[in-house]
Amino acid sequence: MECAVITEMAQYPQKKILRYFLAGGKNLGQWLTEIQERIEKFAKRNGCDAVEVAGRKGWIKKLKGYSSPVFIIRKEI
Protein backbone atom coordinates (compact mmCIF):
# COMPACT_ATOMS: atom_id res chain seq x y z
CA MET A 1 0.00 0.00 0.00
CA GLU A 2 1.34 3.41 -0.97
CA CYS A 3 -1.48 5.66 0.13
CA ALA A 4 -4.37 5.81 2.58
CA VAL A 5 -6.91 8.63 2.60
CA ILE A 6 -9.15 9.58 5.52
CA THR A 7 -12.14 11.76 4.59
CA GLU A 8 -14.77 13.78 6.44
CA MET A 9 -17.69 15.84 5.12
CA ALA A 10 -18.46 18.93 7.17
CA GLN A 11 -21.82 20.62 6.62
CA TYR A 12 -22.05 24.30 7.54
CA PRO A 13 -24.99 26.67 6.98
CA GLN A 14 -23.24 28.29 3.99
CA LYS A 15 -20.97 25.48 2.73
CA LYS A 16 -20.32 21.77 2.60
CA ILE A 17 -16.62 20.89 2.74
CA LEU A 18 -14.85 17.59 2.14
CA ARG A 19 -11.78 17.36 4.37
CA TYR A 20 -9.12 14.76 3.85
CA PHE A 21 -5.83 13.63 5.30
CA LEU A 22 -3.25 11.77 3.20
CA ALA A 23 -1.59 9.03 5.20
CA GLY A 24 1.09 7.92 2.76
CA GLY A 25 4.32 8.92 1.22
CA LYS A 26 5.75 6.10 -0.83
CA ASN A 27 6.03 6.90 -4.58
CA LEU A 28 4.13 10.15 -4.05
CA GLY A 29 4.85 11.46 -7.53
CA GLN A 30 3.11 8.47 -9.10
CA TRP A 31 -0.26 8.69 -7.36
CA LEU A 32 -0.80 12.19 -5.91
CA THR A 33 -2.37 13.83 -8.99
CA GLU A 34 -4.77 10.92 -9.55
CA ILE A 35 -5.82 10.83 -5.88
CA GLN A 36 -6.40 14.60 -5.90
CA GLU A 37 -8.60 14.35 -9.03
CA ARG A 38 -10.61 11.43 -7.62
CA ILE A 39 -11.21 13.19 -4.31
CA GLU A 40 -12.34 16.39 -6.06
CA LYS A 41 -14.77 14.42 -8.27
CA PHE A 42 -16.09 12.59 -5.19
CA ALA A 43 -16.61 15.94 -3.45
CA LYS A 44 -18.51 17.37 -6.45
CA ARG A 45 -20.74 14.27 -6.69
CA ASN A 46 -21.61 14.73 -3.02
CA GLY A 47 -22.49 18.43 -3.30
CA CYS A 48 -19.38 19.87 -1.65
CA ASP A 49 -18.36 23.47 -2.27
CA ALA A 50 -14.70 23.05 -1.31
CA VAL A 51 -12.02 20.52 -0.46
CA GLU A 52 -9.61 20.94 2.46
CA VAL A 53 -6.44 18.98 3.16
CA ALA A 54 -5.00 18.75 6.65
CA GLY A 55 -1.27 18.27 6.67
CA ARG A 56 2.16 19.77 6.74
CA LYS A 57 3.03 22.94 4.83
CA GLY A 58 4.93 20.90 2.22
CA TRP A 59 1.60 19.79 0.68
CA ILE A 60 1.02 23.33 -0.61
CA LYS A 61 3.80 22.86 -3.17
CA LYS A 62 2.48 19.45 -4.23
CA LEU A 63 -1.31 20.09 -4.52
CA LYS A 64 -2.10 22.45 -7.38
CA GLY A 65 -4.68 25.18 -6.83
CA TYR A 66 -4.69 25.09 -3.02
CA SER A 67 -3.96 27.91 -0.56
CA SER A 68 -3.03 27.89 3.13
CA PRO A 69 -5.47 29.34 5.70
CA VAL A 70 -3.71 28.35 8.96
CA PHE A 71 -2.10 25.02 8.02
CA ILE A 72 -5.26 23.73 6.35
CA ILE A 73 -5.11 23.94 2.57
CA ARG A 74 -8.36 24.48 0.68
CA LYS A 75 -9.62 24.35 -2.90
CA GLU A 76 -13.03 25.62 -3.95
CA ILE A 77 -14.79 23.30 -6.40
PDB file of N, CA and C in Angstrom:
ATOM      1  N   MET A   1       0.845  -1.178   0.000  1.00  0.00           N
ATOM      2  CA  MET A   1       0.000   0.000   0.000  1.00  0.00           C
ATOM      3  C   MET A   1       0.889   1.239   0.000  1.00  0.00           C
ATOM      4  N   GLU A   2       0.571   2.178  -0.869  1.00  0.00           N
ATOM      5  CA  GLU A   2       1.341   3.413  -0.971  1.00  0.00           C
ATOM      6  C   GLU A   2       0.609   4.621  -0.441  1.00  0.00           C
ATOM      7  N   CYS A   3      -0.703   4.503  -0.286  1.00  0.00           N
ATOM      8  CA  CYS A   3      -1.483   5.665   0.130  1.00  0.00           C
ATOM      9  C   CYS A   3      -2.746   5.231   0.860  1.00  0.00           C
ATOM     10  N   ALA A   4      -3.087   5.957   1.893  1.00  0.00           N
ATOM     11  CA  ALA A   4      -4.372   5.809   2.576  1.00  0.00           C
ATOM     12  C   ALA A   4      -4.948   7.209   2.714  1.00  0.00           C
ATOM     13  N   VAL A   5      -6.250   7.335   2.527  1.00  0.00           N
ATOM     14  CA  VAL A   5      -6.915   8.635   2.603  1.00  0.00           C
ATOM     15  C   VAL A   5      -8.043   8.545   3.622  1.00  0.00           C
ATOM     16  N   ILE A   6      -8.074   9.494   4.532  1.00  0.00           N
ATOM     17  CA  ILE A   6      -9.150   9.585   5.520  1.00  0.00           C
ATOM     18  C   ILE A   6      -9.971  10.812   5.148  1.00  0.00           C
ATOM     19  N   THR A   7     -11.291  10.645   5.003  1.00  0.00           N
ATOM     20  CA  THR A   7     -12.144  11.759   4.588  1.00  0.00           C
ATOM     21  C   THR A   7     -13.202  12.077   5.642  1.00  0.00           C
ATOM     22  N   GLU A   8     -13.685  13.314   5.566  1.00  0.00           N
ATOM     23  CA  GLU A   8     -14.765  13.778   6.436  1.00  0.00           C
ATOM     24  C   GLU A   8     -15.538  14.844   5.667  1.00  0.00           C
ATOM     25  N   MET A   9     -16.870  14.784   5.706  1.00  0.00           N
ATOM     26  CA  MET A   9     -17.693  15.835   5.121  1.00  0.00           C
ATOM     27  C   MET A   9     -18.245  16.691   6.243  1.00  0.00           C
ATOM     28  N   ALA A  10     -17.990  17.988   6.158  1.00  0.00           N
ATOM     29  CA  ALA A  10     -18.458  18.930   7.173  1.00  0.00           C
ATOM     30  C   ALA A  10     -19.524  19.820   6.546  1.00  0.00           C
ATOM     31  N   GLN A  11     -20.708  19.812   7.124  1.00  0.00           N
ATOM     32  CA  GLN A  11     -21.817  20.620   6.621  1.00  0.00           C
ATOM     33  C   GLN A  11     -21.974  21.860   7.494  1.00  0.00           C
ATOM     34  N   TYR A  12     -21.862  23.015   6.869  1.00  0.00           N
ATOM     35  CA  TYR A  12     -22.054  24.297   7.537  1.00  0.00           C
ATOM     36  C   TYR A  12     -23.274  24.973   6.928  1.00  0.00           C
ATOM     37  N   PRO A  13     -23.825  26.001   7.565  1.00  0.00           N
ATOM     38  CA  PRO A  13     -24.994  26.671   6.984  1.00  0.00           C
ATOM     39  C   PRO A  13     -24.748  27.219   5.574  1.00  0.00           C
ATOM     40  N   GLN A  14     -23.538  27.684   5.290  1.00  0.00           N
ATOM     41  CA  GLN A  14     -23.245  28.291   3.986  1.00  0.00           C
ATOM     42  C   GLN A  14     -22.465  27.380   3.032  1.00  0.00           C
ATOM     43  N   LYS A  15     -21.839  26.319   3.541  1.00  0.00           N
ATOM     44  CA  LYS A  15     -20.969  25.476   2.729  1.00  0.00           C
ATOM     45  C   LYS A  15     -20.946  24.044   3.204  1.00  0.00           C
ATOM     46  N   LYS A  16     -20.622  23.163   2.270  1.00  0.00           N
ATOM     47  CA  LYS A  16     -20.324  21.773   2.595  1.00  0.00           C
ATOM     48  C   LYS A  16     -18.889  21.530   2.129  1.00  0.00           C
ATOM     49  N   ILE A  17     -18.038  21.054   3.034  1.00  0.00           N
ATOM     50  CA  ILE A  17     -16.616  20.894   2.742  1.00  0.00           C
ATOM     51  C   ILE A  17     -16.197  19.441   2.946  1.00  0.00           C
ATOM     52  N   LEU A  18     -15.468  18.907   1.981  1.00  0.00           N
ATOM     53  CA  LEU A  18     -14.852  17.591   2.135  1.00  0.00           C
ATOM     54  C   LEU A  18     -13.432  17.820   2.644  1.00  0.00           C
ATOM     55  N   ARG A  19     -13.126  17.269   3.802  1.00  0.00           N
ATOM     56  CA  ARG A  19     -11.778  17.361   4.368  1.00  0.00           C
ATOM     57  C   ARG A  19     -11.121  16.002   4.210  1.00  0.00           C
ATOM     58  N   TYR A  20      -9.824  16.033   3.892  1.00  0.00           N
ATOM     59  CA  TYR A  20      -9.117  14.759   3.848  1.00  0.00           C
ATOM     60  C   TYR A  20      -7.696  14.880   4.355  1.00  0.00           C
ATOM     61  N   PHE A  21      -7.186  13.748   4.782  1.00  0.00           N
ATOM     62  CA  PHE A  21      -5.830  13.630   5.299  1.00  0.00           C
ATOM     63  C   PHE A  21      -5.162  12.511   4.522  1.00  0.00           C
ATOM     64  N   LEU A  22      -4.013  12.787   3.923  1.00  0.00           N
ATOM     65  CA  LEU A  22      -3.255  11.766   3.200  1.00  0.00           C
ATOM     66  C   LEU A  22      -2.296  11.085   4.167  1.00  0.00           C
ATOM     67  N   ALA A  23      -2.479   9.805   4.348  1.00  0.00           N
ATOM     68  CA  ALA A  23      -1.587   9.027   5.201  1.00  0.00           C
ATOM     69  C   ALA A  23      -0.767   8.129   4.279  1.00  0.00           C
ATOM     70  N   GLY A  24       0.260   8.665   3.701  1.00  0.00           N
ATOM     71  CA  GLY A  24       1.087   7.923   2.757  1.00  0.00           C
ATOM     72  C   GLY A  24       2.343   8.693   2.462  1.00  0.00           C
ATOM     73  N   GLY A  25       3.112   8.216   1.552  1.00  0.00           N
ATOM     74  CA  GLY A  25       4.322   8.925   1.215  1.00  0.00           C
ATOM     75  C   GLY A  25       5.236   8.151   0.291  1.00  0.00           C
ATOM     76  N   LYS A  26       4.931   6.925   0.045  1.00  0.00           N
ATOM     77  CA  LYS A  26       5.751   6.100  -0.827  1.00  0.00           C
ATOM     78  C   LYS A  26       5.334   6.345  -2.287  1.00  0.00           C
ATOM     79  N   ASN A  27       6.290   6.657  -3.148  1.00  0.00           N
ATOM     80  CA  ASN A  27       6.027   6.898  -4.576  1.00  0.00           C
ATOM     81  C   ASN A  27       5.007   8.010  -4.809  1.00  0.00           C
ATOM     82  N   LEU A  28       5.069   9.038  -4.005  1.00  0.00           N
ATOM     83  CA  LEU A  28       4.126  10.152  -4.049  1.00  0.00           C
ATOM     84  C   LEU A  28       3.898  10.707  -5.454  1.00  0.00           C
ATOM     85  N   GLY A  29       4.964  10.891  -6.193  1.00  0.00           N
ATOM     86  CA  GLY A  29       4.851  11.457  -7.532  1.00  0.00           C
ATOM     87  C   GLY A  29       4.012  10.625  -8.486  1.00  0.00           C
ATOM     88  N   GLN A  30       3.860   9.354  -8.214  1.00  0.00           N
ATOM     89  CA  GLN A  30       3.110   8.466  -9.103  1.00  0.00           C
ATOM     90  C   GLN A  30       1.607   8.470  -8.848  1.00  0.00           C
ATOM     91  N   TRP A  31       1.171   8.807  -7.658  1.00  0.00           N
ATOM     92  CA  TRP A  31      -0.261   8.694  -7.364  1.00  0.00           C
ATOM     93  C   TRP A  31      -0.932   9.972  -6.893  1.00  0.00           C
ATOM     94  N   LEU A  32      -0.194  11.009  -6.529  1.00  0.00           N
ATOM     95  CA  LEU A  32      -0.803  12.186  -5.914  1.00  0.00           C
ATOM     96  C   LEU A  32      -1.806  12.890  -6.829  1.00  0.00           C
ATOM     97  N   THR A  33      -1.461  13.130  -8.080  1.00  0.00           N
ATOM     98  CA  THR A  33      -2.369  13.833  -8.992  1.00  0.00           C
ATOM     99  C   THR A  33      -3.669  13.052  -9.173  1.00  0.00           C
ATOM    100  N   GLU A  34      -3.570  11.746  -9.358  1.00  0.00           N
ATOM    101  CA  GLU A  34      -4.772  10.919  -9.547  1.00  0.00           C
ATOM    102  C   GLU A  34      -5.652  10.919  -8.301  1.00  0.00           C
ATOM    103  N   ILE A  35      -5.050  10.810  -7.131  1.00  0.00           N
ATOM    104  CA  ILE A  35      -5.823  10.828  -5.884  1.00  0.00           C
ATOM    105  C   ILE A  35      -6.536  12.176  -5.730  1.00  0.00           C
ATOM    106  N   GLN A  36      -5.813  13.266  -6.009  1.00  0.00           N
ATOM    107  CA  GLN A  36      -6.403  14.603  -5.904  1.00  0.00           C
ATOM    108  C   GLN A  36      -7.614  14.720  -6.830  1.00  0.00           C
ATOM    109  N   GLU A  37      -7.489  14.279  -8.068  1.00  0.00           N
ATOM    110  CA  GLU A  37      -8.599  14.347  -9.030  1.00  0.00           C
ATOM    111  C   GLU A  37      -9.784  13.504  -8.568  1.00  0.00           C
ATOM    112  N   ARG A  38      -9.524  12.312  -8.080  1.00  0.00           N
ATOM    113  CA  ARG A  38     -10.612  11.432  -7.617  1.00  0.00           C
ATOM    114  C   ARG A  38     -11.344  12.027  -6.416  1.00  0.00           C
ATOM    115  N   ILE A  39     -10.594  12.590  -5.489  1.00  0.00           N
ATOM    116  CA  ILE A  39     -11.211  13.193  -4.305  1.00  0.00           C
ATOM    117  C   ILE A  39     -12.067  14.392  -4.703  1.00  0.00           C
ATOM    118  N   GLU A  40     -11.571  15.230  -5.612  1.00  0.00           N
ATOM    119  CA  GLU A  40     -12.339  16.394  -6.057  1.00  0.00           C
ATOM    120  C   GLU A  40     -13.620  15.971  -6.776  1.00  0.00           C
ATOM    121  N   LYS A  41     -13.566  14.929  -7.600  1.00  0.00           N
ATOM    122  CA  LYS A  41     -14.771  14.418  -8.273  1.00  0.00           C
ATOM    123  C   LYS A  41     -15.764  13.860  -7.249  1.00  0.00           C
ATOM    124  N   PHE A  42     -15.259  13.134  -6.259  1.00  0.00           N
ATOM    125  CA  PHE A  42     -16.094  12.593  -5.190  1.00  0.00           C
ATOM    126  C   PHE A  42     -16.795  13.727  -4.442  1.00  0.00           C
ATOM    127  N   ALA A  43     -16.042  14.792  -4.150  1.00  0.00           N
ATOM    128  CA  ALA A  43     -16.614  15.944  -3.451  1.00  0.00           C
ATOM    129  C   ALA A  43     -17.724  16.594  -4.283  1.00  0.00           C
ATOM    130  N   LYS A  44     -17.495  16.778  -5.570  1.00  0.00           N
ATOM    131  CA  LYS A  44     -18.513  17.369  -6.450  1.00  0.00           C
ATOM    132  C   LYS A  44     -19.765  16.512  -6.498  1.00  0.00           C
ATOM    133  N   ARG A  45     -19.585  15.186  -6.636  1.00  0.00           N
ATOM    134  CA  ARG A  45     -20.742  14.269  -6.686  1.00  0.00           C
ATOM    135  C   ARG A  45     -21.566  14.333  -5.402  1.00  0.00           C
ATOM    136  N   ASN A  46     -20.928  14.687  -4.306  1.00  0.00           N
ATOM    137  CA  ASN A  46     -21.611  14.732  -3.016  1.00  0.00           C
ATOM    138  C   ASN A  46     -22.007  16.148  -2.596  1.00  0.00           C
ATOM    139  N   GLY A  47     -21.995  17.083  -3.551  1.00  0.00           N
ATOM    140  CA  GLY A  47     -22.495  18.429  -3.297  1.00  0.00           C
ATOM    141  C   GLY A  47     -21.601  19.320  -2.455  1.00  0.00           C
ATOM    142  N   CYS A  48     -20.305  19.038  -2.422  1.00  0.00           N
ATOM    143  CA  CYS A  48     -19.383  19.867  -1.648  1.00  0.00           C
ATOM    144  C   CYS A  48     -19.010  21.129  -2.426  1.00  0.00           C
ATOM    145  N   ASP A  49     -18.768  22.196  -1.686  1.00  0.00           N
ATOM    146  CA  ASP A  49     -18.364  23.473  -2.270  1.00  0.00           C
ATOM    147  C   ASP A  49     -16.850  23.652  -2.280  1.00  0.00           C
ATOM    148  N   ALA A  50     -16.149  22.911  -1.422  1.00  0.00           N
ATOM    149  CA  ALA A  50     -14.699  23.054  -1.311  1.00  0.00           C
ATOM    150  C   ALA A  50     -14.100  21.759  -0.783  1.00  0.00           C
ATOM    151  N   VAL A  51     -12.791  21.642  -0.976  1.00  0.00           N
ATOM    152  CA  VAL A  51     -12.015  20.518  -0.460  1.00  0.00           C
ATOM    153  C   VAL A  51     -10.902  21.104   0.403  1.00  0.00           C
ATOM    154  N   GLU A  52     -10.697  20.510   1.573  1.00  0.00           N
ATOM    155  CA  GLU A  52      -9.610  20.937   2.455  1.00  0.00           C
ATOM    156  C   GLU A  52      -8.706  19.747   2.744  1.00  0.00           C
ATOM    157  N   VAL A  53      -7.417  20.019   2.826  1.00  0.00           N
ATOM    158  CA  VAL A  53      -6.439  18.984   3.161  1.00  0.00           C
ATOM    159  C   VAL A  53      -5.729  19.388   4.437  1.00  0.00           C
ATOM    160  N   ALA A  54      -5.749  18.516   5.414  1.00  0.00           N
ATOM    161  CA  ALA A  54      -5.002  18.750   6.647  1.00  0.00           C
ATOM    162  C   ALA A  54      -3.648  18.097   6.487  1.00  0.00           C
ATOM    163  N   GLY A  55      -2.603  18.840   6.795  1.00  0.00           N
ATOM    164  CA  GLY A  55      -1.270  18.267   6.669  1.00  0.00           C
ATOM    165  C   GLY A  55      -0.189  19.300   6.848  1.00  0.00           C
ATOM    166  N   ARG A  56       1.024  18.884   6.580  1.00  0.00           N
ATOM    167  CA  ARG A  56       2.162  19.774   6.739  1.00  0.00           C
ATOM    168  C   ARG A  56       2.216  20.787   5.603  1.00  0.00           C
ATOM    169  N   LYS A  57       2.936  21.876   5.815  1.00  0.00           N
ATOM    170  CA  LYS A  57       3.030  22.944   4.825  1.00  0.00           C
ATOM    171  C   LYS A  57       3.551  22.461   3.477  1.00  0.00           C
ATOM    172  N   GLY A  58       4.359  21.425   3.460  1.00  0.00           N
ATOM    173  CA  GLY A  58       4.926  20.905   2.220  1.00  0.00           C
ATOM    174  C   GLY A  58       3.891  20.495   1.189  1.00  0.00           C
ATOM    175  N   TRP A  59       2.650  20.177   1.627  1.00  0.00           N
ATOM    176  CA  TRP A  59       1.597  19.786   0.682  1.00  0.00           C
ATOM    177  C   TRP A  59       1.203  20.948  -0.231  1.00  0.00           C
ATOM    178  N   ILE A  60       1.403  22.180   0.204  1.00  0.00           N
ATOM    179  CA  ILE A  60       1.021  23.333  -0.609  1.00  0.00           C
ATOM    180  C   ILE A  60       1.757  23.308  -1.940  1.00  0.00           C
ATOM    181  N   LYS A  61       3.014  22.926  -1.932  1.00  0.00           N
ATOM    182  CA  LYS A  61       3.796  22.862  -3.169  1.00  0.00           C
ATOM    183  C   LYS A  61       3.355  21.711  -4.063  1.00  0.00           C
ATOM    184  N   LYS A  62       2.827  20.650  -3.483  1.00  0.00           N
ATOM    185  CA  LYS A  62       2.476  19.448  -4.230  1.00  0.00           C
ATOM    186  C   LYS A  62       1.058  19.486  -4.804  1.00  0.00           C
ATOM    187  N   LEU A  63       0.095  20.101  -4.095  1.00  0.00           N
ATOM    188  CA  LEU A  63      -1.307  20.088  -4.519  1.00  0.00           C
ATOM    189  C   LEU A  63      -1.632  21.387  -5.246  1.00  0.00           C
ATOM    190  N   LYS A  64      -1.852  21.274  -6.542  1.00  0.00           N
ATOM    191  CA  LYS A  64      -2.096  22.447  -7.378  1.00  0.00           C
ATOM    192  C   LYS A  64      -3.438  23.101  -7.058  1.00  0.00           C
ATOM    193  N   GLY A  65      -3.449  24.432  -7.013  1.00  0.00           N
ATOM    194  CA  GLY A  65      -4.684  25.177  -6.830  1.00  0.00           C
ATOM    195  C   GLY A  65      -5.106  25.402  -5.385  1.00  0.00           C
ATOM    196  N   TYR A  66      -4.329  24.954  -4.429  1.00  0.00           N
ATOM    197  CA  TYR A  66      -4.689  25.089  -3.022  1.00  0.00           C
ATOM    198  C   TYR A  66      -3.972  26.271  -2.381  1.00  0.00           C
ATOM    199  N   SER A  67      -4.577  26.834  -1.331  1.00  0.00           N
ATOM    200  CA  SER A  67      -3.960  27.908  -0.562  1.00  0.00           C
ATOM    201  C   SER A  67      -3.871  27.468   0.900  1.00  0.00           C
ATOM    202  N   SER A  68      -3.285  28.306   1.756  1.00  0.00           N
ATOM    203  CA  SER A  68      -3.033  27.892   3.133  1.00  0.00           C
ATOM    204  C   SER A  68      -3.656  28.806   4.177  1.00  0.00           C
ATOM    205  N   PRO A  69      -4.942  28.588   4.542  1.00  0.00           N
ATOM    206  CA  PRO A  69      -5.467  29.336   5.696  1.00  0.00           C
ATOM    207  C   PRO A  69      -5.164  28.553   6.984  1.00  0.00           C
ATOM    208  N   VAL A  70      -4.127  28.923   7.672  1.00  0.00           N
ATOM    209  CA  VAL A  70      -3.713  28.345   8.961  1.00  0.00           C
ATOM    210  C   VAL A  70      -3.479  26.822   8.894  1.00  0.00           C
ATOM    211  N   PHE A  71      -2.533  26.404   8.131  1.00  0.00           N
ATOM    212  CA  PHE A  71      -2.100  25.018   8.016  1.00  0.00           C
ATOM    213  C   PHE A  71      -3.143  24.035   7.483  1.00  0.00           C
ATOM    214  N   ILE A  72      -4.271  24.545   7.053  1.00  0.00           N
ATOM    215  CA  ILE A  72      -5.256  23.730   6.345  1.00  0.00           C
ATOM    216  C   ILE A  72      -5.256  24.282   4.924  1.00  0.00           C
ATOM    217  N   ILE A  73      -5.084  23.439   3.938  1.00  0.00           N
ATOM    218  CA  ILE A  73      -5.107  23.945   2.575  1.00  0.00           C
ATOM    219  C   ILE A  73      -6.448  23.620   1.944  1.00  0.00           C
ATOM    220  N   ARG A  74      -6.992  24.588   1.192  1.00  0.00           N
ATOM    221  CA  ARG A  74      -8.360  24.482   0.681  1.00  0.00           C
ATOM    222  C   ARG A  74      -8.413  24.785  -0.805  1.00  0.00           C
ATOM    223  N   LYS A  75      -9.337  24.090  -1.492  1.00  0.00           N
ATOM    224  CA  LYS A  75      -9.616  24.349  -2.900  1.00  0.00           C
ATOM    225  C   LYS A  75     -11.118  24.407  -3.082  1.00  0.00           C
ATOM    226  N   GLU A  76     -11.605  25.513  -3.631  1.00  0.00           N
ATOM    227  CA  GLU A  76     -13.029  25.620  -3.950  1.00  0.00           C
ATOM    228  C   GLU A  76     -13.303  24.784  -5.197  1.00  0.00           C
ATOM    229  N   ILE A  77     -14.449  24.106  -5.215  1.00  0.00           N
ATOM    230  CA  ILE A  77     -14.790  23.302  -6.399  1.00  0.00           C
ATOM    231  C   ILE A  77     -16.135  23.678  -6.952  1.00  0.00           C
TER     232      ILE A  77
END
